[in-house]
Amino acid sequence: MKKKHTPLAWQVSALLAILFCQACQPAKKESESARFAITFSDSLGKDAFDGRLLLMLAKNDKSEPRDQVGDNPESAQVFGVDVEGWKAGEVKTVDASVFG
């Protein structure tokens, strides 16, 4: 039976696909380091979220980046930021200062 995805899972998967494409671009100068601005629509809910926002980047599209995280040299890369009271429309940023 095929796994059913929620609207949030589809949006996150689409976002990760876009981020994957962006990550494949040629390297920029150090002064132009990567910066990801992440938000979500109020269609996902009106309540604020508390927790951890994870950005996962993979080198290929064999499967979702979250399925490629592992204990090996080809592992997808994971970067995380804490979120508290994160509401729809608010931007959370993952940049070079975030540990990954």
PDB file of N, CA and C in Angstrom:
ATOM      1  N   MET A   1       0.839  -1.179   0.000  1.00  0.00           N
ATOM      2  CA  MET A   1       0.000   0.000   0.000  1.00  0.00           C
ATOM      3  C   MET A   1       0.885   1.244   0.000  1.00  0.00           C
ATOM      4  N   LYS A   2       0.534   2.202  -0.797  1.00  0.00           N
ATOM      5  CA  LYS A   2       1.309   3.426  -0.927  1.00  0.00           C
ATOM      6  C   LYS A   2       1.116   4.317   0.288  1.00  0.00           C
ATOM      7  N   LYS A   3       2.215   4.931   0.748  1.00  0.00           N
ATOM      8  CA  LYS A   3       2.158   5.818   1.904  1.00  0.00           C
ATOM      9  C   LYS A   3       1.400   7.090   1.531  1.00  0.00           C
ATOM     10  N   LYS A   4       0.451   7.478   2.366  1.00  0.00           N
ATOM     11  CA  LYS A   4      -0.339   8.681   2.139  1.00  0.00           C
ATOM     12  C   LYS A   4       0.382   9.878   2.737  1.00  0.00           C
ATOM     13  N   HIS A   5       0.527  10.952   1.957  1.00  0.00           N
ATOM     14  CA  HIS A   5       1.209  12.154   2.425  1.00  0.00           C
ATOM     15  C   HIS A   5       0.198  13.235   2.766  1.00  0.00           C
ATOM     16  N   THR A   6       0.459  13.960   3.819  1.00  0.00           N
ATOM     17  CA  THR A   6      -0.381  15.087   4.212  1.00  0.00           C
ATOM     18  C   THR A   6      -0.026  16.288   3.341  1.00  0.00           C
ATOM     19  N   PRO A   7      -0.899  17.307   3.281  1.00  0.00           N
ATOM     20  CA  PRO A   7      -0.565  18.508   2.514  1.00  0.00           C
ATOM     21  C   PRO A   7       0.765  19.118   2.956  1.00  0.00           C
ATOM     22  N   LEU A   8       1.069  19.087   4.249  1.00  0.00           N
ATOM     23  CA  LEU A   8       2.331  19.637   4.735  1.00  0.00           C
ATOM     24  C   LEU A   8       3.496  18.840   4.165  1.00  0.00           C
ATOM     25  N   ALA A   9       3.378  17.523   4.141  1.00  0.00           N
ATOM     26  CA  ALA A   9       4.458  16.691   3.607  1.00  0.00           C
ATOM     27  C   ALA A   9       4.688  17.004   2.135  1.00  0.00           C
ATOM     28  N   TRP A  10       3.623  17.211   1.377  1.00  0.00           N
ATOM     29  CA  TRP A  10       3.766  17.549  -0.041  1.00  0.00           C
ATOM     30  C   TRP A  10       4.440  18.905  -0.198  1.00  0.00           C
ATOM     31  N   GLN A  11       4.059  19.883   0.607  1.00  0.00           N
ATOM     32  CA  GLN A  11       4.656  21.214   0.504  1.00  0.00           C
ATOM     33  C   GLN A  11       6.127  21.171   0.899  1.00  0.00           C
ATOM     34  N   VAL A  12       6.438  20.423   1.949  1.00  0.00           N
ATOM     35  CA  VAL A  12       7.825  20.305   2.376  1.00  0.00           C
ATOM     36  C   VAL A  12       8.635  19.596   1.290  1.00  0.00           C
ATOM     37  N   SER A  13       8.070  18.539   0.682  1.00  0.00           N
ATOM     38  CA  SER A  13       8.771  17.831  -0.389  1.00  0.00           C
ATOM     39  C   SER A  13       9.012  18.745  -1.579  1.00  0.00           C
ATOM     40  N   ALA A  14       8.000  19.551  -1.935  1.00  0.00           N
ATOM     41  CA  ALA A  14       8.163  20.490  -3.043  1.00  0.00           C
ATOM     42  C   ALA A  14       9.231  21.525  -2.712  1.00  0.00           C
ATOM     43  N   LEU A  15       9.210  22.029  -1.494  1.00  0.00           N
ATOM     44  CA  LEU A  15      10.213  23.010  -1.071  1.00  0.00           C
ATOM     45  C   LEU A  15      11.600  22.398  -1.131  1.00  0.00           C
ATOM     46  N   LEU A  16      11.736  21.162  -0.674  1.00  0.00           N
ATOM     47  CA  LEU A  16      13.038  20.515  -0.695  1.00  0.00           C
ATOM     48  C   LEU A  16      13.519  20.293  -2.123  1.00  0.00           C
ATOM     49  N   ALA A  17      12.599  19.989  -3.045  1.00  0.00           N
ATOM     50  CA  ALA A  17      12.978  19.830  -4.447  1.00  0.00           C
ATOM     51  C   ALA A  17      13.500  21.143  -5.006  1.00  0.00           C
ATOM     52  N   ILE A  18      12.850  22.236  -4.656  1.00  0.00           N
ATOM     53  CA  ILE A  18      13.299  23.556  -5.108  1.00  0.00           C
ATOM     54  C   ILE A  18      14.661  23.869  -4.514  1.00  0.00           C
ATOM     55  N   LEU A  19      14.816  23.592  -3.221  1.00  0.00           N
ATOM     56  CA  LEU A  19      16.092  23.853  -2.562  1.00  0.00           C
ATOM     57  C   LEU A  19      17.199  23.000  -3.156  1.00  0.00           C
ATOM     58  N   PHE A  20      16.872  21.761  -3.519  1.00  0.00           N
ATOM     59  CA  PHE A  20      17.849  20.875  -4.137  1.00  0.00           C
ATOM     60  C   PHE A  20      18.339  21.486  -5.445  1.00  0.00           C
ATOM     61  N   CYS A  21      17.414  21.999  -6.250  1.00  0.00           N
ATOM     62  CA  CYS A  21      17.788  22.636  -7.518  1.00  0.00           C
ATOM     63  C   CYS A  21      18.670  23.851  -7.269  1.00  0.00           C
ATOM     64  N   GLN A  22      18.335  24.640  -6.258  1.00  0.00           N
ATOM     65  CA  GLN A  22      19.137  25.816  -5.935  1.00  0.00           C
ATOM     66  C   GLN A  22      20.537  25.410  -5.476  1.00  0.00           C
ATOM     67  N   ALA A  23      20.626  24.317  -4.735  1.00  0.00           N
ATOM     68  CA  ALA A  23      21.913  23.876  -4.211  1.00  0.00           C
ATOM     69  C   ALA A  23      22.837  23.377  -5.321  1.00  0.00           C
ATOM     70  N   CYS A  24      22.275  23.015  -6.472  1.00  0.00           N
ATOM     71  CA  CYS A  24      23.072  22.509  -7.588  1.00  0.00           C
ATOM     72  C   CYS A  24      23.689  23.629  -8.414  1.00  0.00           C
ATOM     73  N   GLN A  25      23.386  24.864  -8.111  1.00  0.00           N
ATOM     74  CA  GLN A  25      23.944  25.998  -8.845  1.00  0.00           C
ATOM     75  C   GLN A  25      25.436  26.126  -8.526  1.00  0.00           C
ATOM     76  N   PRO A  26      26.201  26.748  -9.429  1.00  0.00           N
ATOM     77  CA  PRO A  26      27.638  26.929  -9.168  1.00  0.00           C
ATOM     78  C   PRO A  26      27.874  27.681  -7.862  1.00  0.00           C
ATOM     79  N   ALA A  27      28.994  27.371  -7.226  1.00  0.00           N
ATOM     80  CA  ALA A  27      29.336  28.005  -5.949  1.00  0.00           C
ATOM     81  C   ALA A  27      29.478  29.513  -6.121  1.00  0.00           C
ATOM     82  N   LYS A  28      29.058  30.246  -5.125  1.00  0.00           N
ATOM     83  CA  LYS A  28      29.160  31.700  -5.134  1.00  0.00           C
ATOM     84  C   LYS A  28      30.332  32.122  -4.267  1.00  0.00           C
ATOM     85  N   LYS A  29      30.674  33.368  -4.358  1.00  0.00           N
ATOM     86  CA  LYS A  29      31.729  33.912  -3.505  1.00  0.00           C
ATOM     87  C   LYS A  29      31.318  33.766  -2.043  1.00  0.00           C
ATOM     88  N   GLU A  30      32.289  33.721  -1.148  1.00  0.00           N
ATOM     89  CA  GLU A  30      31.999  33.578   0.271  1.00  0.00           C
ATOM     90  C   GLU A  30      31.041  34.646   0.773  1.00  0.00           C
ATOM     91  N   SER A  31      31.168  35.850   0.236  1.00  0.00           N
ATOM     92  CA  SER A  31      30.310  36.941   0.699  1.00  0.00           C
ATOM     93  C   SER A  31      28.857  36.738   0.281  1.00  0.00           C
ATOM     94  N   GLU A  32      28.620  35.790  -0.625  1.00  0.00           N
ATOM     95  CA  GLU A  32      27.265  35.496  -1.099  1.00  0.00           C
ATOM     96  C   GLU A  32      26.843  34.101  -0.649  1.00  0.00           C
ATOM     97  N   SER A  33      27.030  33.776   0.622  1.00  0.00           N
ATOM     98  CA  SER A  33      26.720  32.436   1.115  1.00  0.00           C
ATOM     99  C   SER A  33      25.230  32.136   0.980  1.00  0.00           C
ATOM    100  N   ALA A  34      24.926  30.844   0.957  1.00  0.00           N
ATOM    101  CA  ALA A  34      23.538  30.391   0.804  1.00  0.00           C
ATOM    102  C   ALA A  34      22.678  30.863   1.969  1.00  0.00           C
ATOM    103  N   ARG A  35      21.461  31.209   1.641  1.00  0.00           N
ATOM    104  CA  ARG A  35      20.491  31.649   2.654  1.00  0.00           C
ATOM    105  C   ARG A  35      19.118  31.148   2.215  1.00  0.00           C
ATOM    106  N   PHE A  36      18.450  30.410   3.075  1.00  0.00           N
ATOM    107  CA  PHE A  36      17.128  29.882   2.781  1.00  0.00           C
ATOM    108  C   PHE A  36      16.111  30.576   3.680  1.00  0.00           C
ATOM    109  N   ALA A  37      15.093  31.164   3.079  1.00  0.00           N
ATOM    110  CA  ALA A  37      14.007  31.809   3.826  1.00  0.00           C
ATOM    111  C   ALA A  37      12.801  30.881   3.727  1.00  0.00           C
ATOM    112  N   ILE A  38      12.301  30.418   4.873  1.00  0.00           N
ATOM    113  CA  ILE A  38      11.247  29.406   4.898  1.00  0.00           C
ATOM    114  C   ILE A  38      10.037  29.946   5.632  1.00  0.00           C
ATOM    115  N   THR A  39       8.874  29.712   5.042  1.00  0.00           N
ATOM    116  CA  THR A  39       7.613  30.122   5.641  1.00  0.00           C
ATOM    117  C   THR A  39       6.565  29.057   5.331  1.00  0.00           C
ATOM    118  N   PHE A  40       5.393  29.180   5.907  1.00  0.00           N
ATOM    119  CA  PHE A  40       4.312  28.265   5.581  1.00  0.00           C
ATOM    120  C   PHE A  40       2.998  29.039   5.505  1.00  0.00           C
ATOM    121  N   SER A  41       2.060  28.467   4.787  1.00  0.00           N
ATOM    122  CA  SER A  41       0.762  29.093   4.557  1.00  0.00           C
ATOM    123  C   SER A  41      -0.183  28.850   5.741  1.00  0.00           C
ATOM    124  N   ASP A  42      -1.100  29.776   5.958  1.00  0.00           N
ATOM    125  CA  ASP A  42      -2.078  29.584   7.035  1.00  0.00           C
ATOM    126  C   ASP A  42      -3.066  28.467   6.708  1.00  0.00           C
ATOM    127  N   SER A  43      -3.032  27.942   5.483  1.00  0.00           N
ATOM    128  CA  SER A  43      -3.888  26.805   5.145  1.00  0.00           C
ATOM    129  C   SER A  43      -3.446  25.543   5.895  1.00  0.00           C
ATOM    130  N   LEU A  44      -2.247  25.569   6.449  1.00  0.00           N
ATOM    131  CA  LEU A  44      -1.751  24.437   7.229  1.00  0.00           C
ATOM    132  C   LEU A  44      -2.192  24.509   8.683  1.00  0.00           C
ATOM    133  N   GLY A  45      -2.775  25.621   9.058  1.00  0.00           N
ATOM    134  CA  GLY A  45      -3.263  25.778  10.414  1.00  0.00           C
ATOM    135  C   GLY A  45      -3.030  27.174  10.931  1.00  0.00           C
ATOM    136  N   LYS A  46      -3.836  27.565  11.874  1.00  0.00           N
ATOM    137  CA  LYS A  46      -3.742  28.905  12.455  1.00  0.00           C
ATOM    138  C   LYS A  46      -2.879  28.923  13.721  1.00  0.00           C
ATOM    139  N   ASP A  47      -2.626  27.744  14.290  1.00  0.00           N
ATOM    140  CA  ASP A  47      -1.838  27.664  15.518  1.00  0.00           C
ATOM    141  C   ASP A  47      -0.355  27.864  15.234  1.00  0.00           C
ATOM    142  N   ALA A  48       0.342  28.435  16.195  1.00  0.00           N
ATOM    143  CA  ALA A  48       1.786  28.620  16.093  1.00  0.00           C
ATOM    144  C   ALA A  48       2.488  27.298  16.388  1.00  0.00           C
ATOM    145  N   PHE A  49       3.654  27.112  15.782  1.00  0.00           N
ATOM    146  CA  PHE A  49       4.443  25.898  15.968  1.00  0.00           C
ATOM    147  C   PHE A  49       5.629  26.165  16.879  1.00  0.00           C
ATOM    148  N   ASP A  50       5.916  25.202  17.744  1.00  0.00           N
ATOM    149  CA  ASP A  50       7.124  25.182  18.548  1.00  0.00           C
ATOM    150  C   ASP A  50       7.863  23.904  18.169  1.00  0.00           C
ATOM    151  N   GLY A  51       9.172  23.964  18.068  1.00  0.00           N
ATOM    152  CA  GLY A  51       9.925  22.758  17.761  1.00  0.00           C
ATOM    153  C   GLY A  51      11.206  23.056  17.029  1.00  0.00           C
ATOM    154  N   ARG A  52      11.527  22.201  16.074  1.00  0.00           N
ATOM    155  CA  ARG A  52      12.780  22.304  15.322  1.00  0.00           C
ATOM    156  C   ARG A  52      12.452  22.246  13.838  1.00  0.00           C
ATOM    157  N   LEU A  53      12.955  23.213  13.088  1.00  0.00           N
ATOM    158  CA  LEU A  53      12.811  23.259  11.638  1.00  0.00           C
ATOM    159  C   LEU A  53      14.080  22.668  11.048  1.00  0.00           C
ATOM    160  N   LEU A  54      13.924  21.610  10.250  1.00  0.00           N
ATOM    161  CA  LEU A  54      15.074  20.951   9.644  1.00  0.00           C
ATOM    162  C   LEU A  54      15.077  21.184   8.145  1.00  0.00           C
ATOM    163  N   LEU A  55      16.214  21.594   7.622  1.00  0.00           N
ATOM    164  CA  LEU A  55      16.429  21.753   6.191  1.00  0.00           C
ATOM    165  C   LEU A  55      17.367  20.636   5.774  1.00  0.00           C
ATOM    166  N   MET A  56      16.924  19.809   4.814  1.00  0.00           N
ATOM    167  CA  MET A  56      17.723  18.675   4.366  1.00  0.00           C
ATOM    168  C   MET A  56      18.053  18.846   2.890  1.00  0.00           C
ATOM    169  N   LEU A  57      19.325  18.699   2.573  1.00  0.00           N
ATOM    170  CA  LEU A  57      19.802  18.846   1.205  1.00  0.00           C
ATOM    171  C   LEU A  57      20.499  17.569   0.772  1.00  0.00           C
ATOM    172  N   ALA A  58      20.087  17.046  -0.391  1.00  0.00           N
ATOM    173  CA  ALA A  58      20.673  15.816  -0.913  1.00  0.00           C
ATOM    174  C   ALA A  58      21.352  16.081  -2.249  1.00  0.00           C
ATOM    175  N   LYS A  59      22.281  15.216  -2.608  1.00  0.00           N
ATOM    176  CA  LYS A  59      23.011  15.353  -3.867  1.00  0.00           C
ATOM    177  C   LYS A  59      22.244  14.787  -5.056  1.00  0.00           C
ATOM    178  N   ASN A  60      21.196  14.019  -4.808  1.00  0.00           N
ATOM    179  CA  ASN A  60      20.455  13.402  -5.913  1.00  0.00           C
ATOM    180  C   ASN A  60      18.971  13.372  -5.599  1.00  0.00           C
ATOM    181  N   ASP A  61      18.191  12.928  -6.570  1.00  0.00           N
ATOM    182  CA  ASP A  61      16.737  12.873  -6.383  1.00  0.00           C
ATOM    183  C   ASP A  61      16.221  11.432  -6.398  1.00  0.00           C
ATOM    184  N   LYS A  62      17.041  10.486  -5.947  1.00  0.00           N
ATOM    185  CA  LYS A  62      16.641   9.076  -5.889  1.00  0.00           C
ATOM    186  C   LYS A  62      15.453   8.867  -4.964  1.00  0.00           C
ATOM    187  N   SER A  63      15.411   9.640  -3.887  1.00  0.00           N
ATOM    188  CA  SER A  63      14.311   9.603  -2.926  1.00  0.00           C
ATOM    189  C   SER A  63      14.310  10.926  -2.186  1.00  0.00           C
ATOM    190  N   GLU A  64      13.358  11.101  -1.293  1.00  0.00           N
ATOM    191  CA  GLU A  64      13.307  12.336  -0.512  1.00  0.00           C
ATOM    192  C   GLU A  64      14.598  12.503   0.278  1.00  0.00           C
ATOM    193  N   PRO A  65      15.063  13.743   0.446  1.00  0.00           N
ATOM    194  CA  PRO A  65      16.284  13.951   1.227  1.00  0.00           C
ATOM    195  C   PRO A  65      16.220  13.339   2.622  1.00  0.00           C
ATOM    196  N   ARG A  66      15.048  13.369   3.269  1.00  0.00           N
ATOM    197  CA  ARG A  66      14.970  12.813   4.625  1.00  0.00           C
ATOM    198  C   ARG A  66      15.225  11.313   4.639  1.00  0.00           C
ATOM    199  N   ASP A  67      14.957  10.640   3.497  1.00  0.00           N
ATOM    200  CA  ASP A  67      15.228   9.204   3.403  1.00  0.00           C
ATOM    201  C   ASP A  67      16.687   8.928   3.061  1.00  0.00           C
ATOM    202  N   GLN A  68      17.473   9.977   2.778  1.00  0.00           N
ATOM    203  CA  GLN A  68      18.878   9.811   2.421  1.00  0.00           C
ATOM    204  C   GLN A  68      19.832  10.213   3.544  1.00  0.00           C
ATOM    205  N   VAL A  69      19.279  10.556   4.702  1.00  0.00           N
ATOM    206  CA  VAL A  69      20.120  10.908   5.840  1.00  0.00           C
ATOM    207  C   VAL A  69      20.652   9.616   6.441  1.00  0.00           C
ATOM    208  N   GLY A  70      21.951   9.566   6.625  1.00  0.00           N
ATOM    209  CA  GLY A  70      22.528   8.346   7.174  1.00  0.00           C
ATOM    210  C   GLY A  70      23.903   8.590   7.754  1.00  0.00           C
ATOM    211  N   ASP A  71      24.552   7.505   8.042  1.00  0.00           N
ATOM    212  CA  ASP A  71      25.868   7.513   8.667  1.00  0.00           C
ATOM    213  C   ASP A  71      26.903   7.121   7.608  1.00  0.00           C
ATOM    214  N   ASN A  72      26.971   7.901   6.520  1.00  0.00           N
ATOM    215  CA  ASN A  72      27.882   7.579   5.426  1.00  0.00           C
ATOM    216  C   ASN A  72      28.278   8.855   4.687  1.00  0.00           C
ATOM    217  N   PRO A  73      29.311   8.797   3.854  1.00  0.00           N
ATOM    218  CA  PRO A  73      29.786   9.995   3.155  1.00  0.00           C
ATOM    219  C   PRO A  73      28.785  10.585   2.163  1.00  0.00           C
ATOM    220  N   GLU A  74      27.842   9.798   1.686  1.00  0.00           N
ATOM    221  CA  GLU A  74      26.858  10.270   0.710  1.00  0.00           C
ATOM    222  C   GLU A  74      25.568  10.763   1.372  1.00  0.00           C
ATOM    223  N   SER A  75      25.559  10.864   2.676  1.00  0.00           N
ATOM    224  CA  SER A  75      24.366  11.268   3.418  1.00  0.00           C
ATOM    225  C   SER A  75      23.884  12.653   3.003  1.00  0.00           C
ATOM    226  N   ALA A  76      22.571  12.835   3.012  1.00  0.00           N
ATOM    227  CA  ALA A  76      22.002  14.168   2.841  1.00  0.00           C
ATOM    228  C   ALA A  76      22.460  15.015   4.026  1.00  0.00           C
ATOM    229  N   GLN A  77      22.576  16.299   3.813  1.00  0.00           N
ATOM    230  CA  GLN A  77      23.011  17.210   4.867  1.00  0.00           C
ATOM    231  C   GLN A  77      21.787  17.780   5.583  1.00  0.00           C
ATOM    232  N   VAL A  78      21.873  17.935   6.889  1.00  0.00           N
ATOM    233  CA  VAL A  78      20.753  18.411   7.694  1.00  0.00           C
ATOM    234  C   VAL A  78      21.185  19.644   8.484  1.00  0.00           C
ATOM    235  N   PHE A  79      20.365  20.688   8.424  1.00  0.00           N
ATOM    236  CA  PHE A  79      20.604  21.921   9.157  1.00  0.00           C
ATOM    237  C   PHE A  79      19.334  22.224   9.939  1.00  0.00           C
ATOM    238  N   GLY A  80      19.456  22.689  11.178  1.00  0.00           N
ATOM    239  CA  GLY A  80      18.267  22.901  11.990  1.00  0.00           C
ATOM    240  C   GLY A  80      18.287  24.179  12.787  1.00  0.00           C
ATOM    241  N   VAL A  81      17.090  24.733  12.970  1.00  0.00           N
ATOM    242  CA  VAL A  81      16.909  25.906  13.826  1.00  0.00           C
ATOM    243  C   VAL A  81      15.701  25.658  14.724  1.00  0.00           C
ATOM    244  N   ASP A  82      15.781  26.148  15.949  1.00  0.00           N
ATOM    245  CA  ASP A  82      14.647  26.055  16.861  1.00  0.00           C
ATOM    246  C   ASP A  82      13.603  27.084  16.467  1.00  0.00           C
ATOM    247  N   VAL A  83      12.343  26.700  16.580  1.00  0.00           N
ATOM    248  CA  VAL A  83      11.255  27.649  16.341  1.00  0.00           C
ATOM    249  C   VAL A  83      10.337  27.650  17.551  1.00  0.00           C
ATOM    250  N   GLU A  84       9.908  28.828  17.919  1.00  0.00           N
ATOM    251  CA  GLU A  84       8.994  28.974  19.044  1.00  0.00           C
ATOM    252  C   GLU A  84       7.938  29.999  18.654  1.00  0.00           C
ATOM    253  N   GLY A  85       6.692  29.583  18.673  1.00  0.00           N
ATOM    254  CA  GLY A  85       5.610  30.490  18.301  1.00  0.00           C
ATOM    255  C   GLY A  85       5.661  30.877  16.831  1.00  0.00           C
ATOM    256  N   TRP A  86       6.129  29.962  15.968  1.00  0.00           N
ATOM    257  CA  TRP A  86       6.257  30.229  14.526  1.00  0.00           C
ATOM    258  C   TRP A  86       4.872  30.215  13.899  1.00  0.00           C
ATOM    259  N   LYS A  87       4.480  31.348  13.347  1.00  0.00           N
ATOM    260  CA  LYS A  87       3.144  31.496  12.762  1.00  0.00           C
ATOM    261  C   LYS A  87       3.214  31.553  11.244  1.00  0.00           C
ATOM    262  N   ALA A  88       2.086  31.268  10.623  1.00  0.00           N
ATOM    263  CA  ALA A  88       1.973  31.321   9.164  1.00  0.00           C
ATOM    264  C   ALA A  88       2.431  32.686   8.664  1.00  0.00           C
ATOM    265  N   GLY A  89       3.211  32.684   7.596  1.00  0.00           N
ATOM    266  CA  GLY A  89       3.676  33.920   6.997  1.00  0.00           C
ATOM    267  C   GLY A  89       4.970  34.460   7.576  1.00  0.00           C
ATOM    268  N   GLU A  90       5.367  34.005   8.761  1.00  0.00           N
ATOM    269  CA  GLU A  90       6.629  34.447   9.357  1.00  0.00           C
ATOM    270  C   GLU A  90       7.786  33.690   8.709  1.00  0.00           C
ATOM    271  N   VAL A  91       8.855  34.408   8.426  1.00  0.00           N
ATOM    272  CA  VAL A  91      10.016  33.810   7.773  1.00  0.00           C
ATOM    273  C   VAL A  91      11.022  33.330   8.817  1.00  0.00           C
ATOM    274  N   LYS A  92      11.465  32.103   8.644  1.00  0.00           N
ATOM    275  CA  LYS A  92      12.575  31.554   9.427  1.00  0.00           C
ATOM    276  C   LYS A  92      13.731  31.362   8.454  1.00  0.00           C
ATOM    277  N   THR A  93      14.936  31.706   8.885  1.00  0.00           N
ATOM    278  CA  THR A  93      16.091  31.695   7.995  1.00  0.00           C
ATOM    279  C   THR A  93      17.093  30.632   8.398  1.00  0.00           C
ATOM    280  N   VAL A  94      17.590  29.921   7.375  1.00  0.00           N
ATOM    281  CA  VAL A  94      18.686  28.976   7.547  1.00  0.00           C
ATOM    282  C   VAL A  94      19.806  29.507   6.658  1.00  0.00           C
ATOM    283  N   ASP A  95      20.927  29.882   7.280  1.00  0.00           N
ATOM    284  CA  ASP A  95      22.047  30.443   6.525  1.00  0.00           C
ATOM    285  C   ASP A  95      23.359  29.847   7.023  1.00  0.00           C
ATOM    286  N   ALA A  96      24.460  30.444   6.639  1.00  0.00           N
ATOM    287  CA  ALA A  96      25.782  29.915   6.985  1.00  0.00           C
ATOM    288  C   ALA A  96      26.047  29.874   8.480  1.00  0.00           C
ATOM    289  N   SER A  97      25.281  30.603   9.274  1.00  0.00           N
ATOM    290  CA  SER A  97      25.489  30.604  10.716  1.00  0.00           C
ATOM    291  C   SER A  97      24.854  29.399  11.405  1.00  0.00           C
ATOM    292  N   VAL A  98      24.024  28.645  10.703  1.00  0.00           N
ATOM    293  CA  VAL A  98      23.311  27.497  11.278  1.00  0.00           C
ATOM    294  C   VAL A  98      24.193  26.261  11.239  1.00  0.00           C
ATOM    295  N   PHE A  99      24.290  25.577  12.359  1.00  0.00           N
ATOM    296  CA  PHE A  99      25.097  24.368  12.460  1.00  0.00           C
ATOM    297  C   PHE A  99      24.417  23.248  11.683  1.00  0.00           C
ATOM    298  N   GLY A 100      25.215  22.476  10.979  1.00  0.00           N
ATOM    299  CA  GLY A 100      24.661  21.352  10.207  1.00  0.00           C
ATOM    300  C   GLY A 100      25.612  20.196  10.184  1.00  0.00           C
TER     301      GLY A 100
END
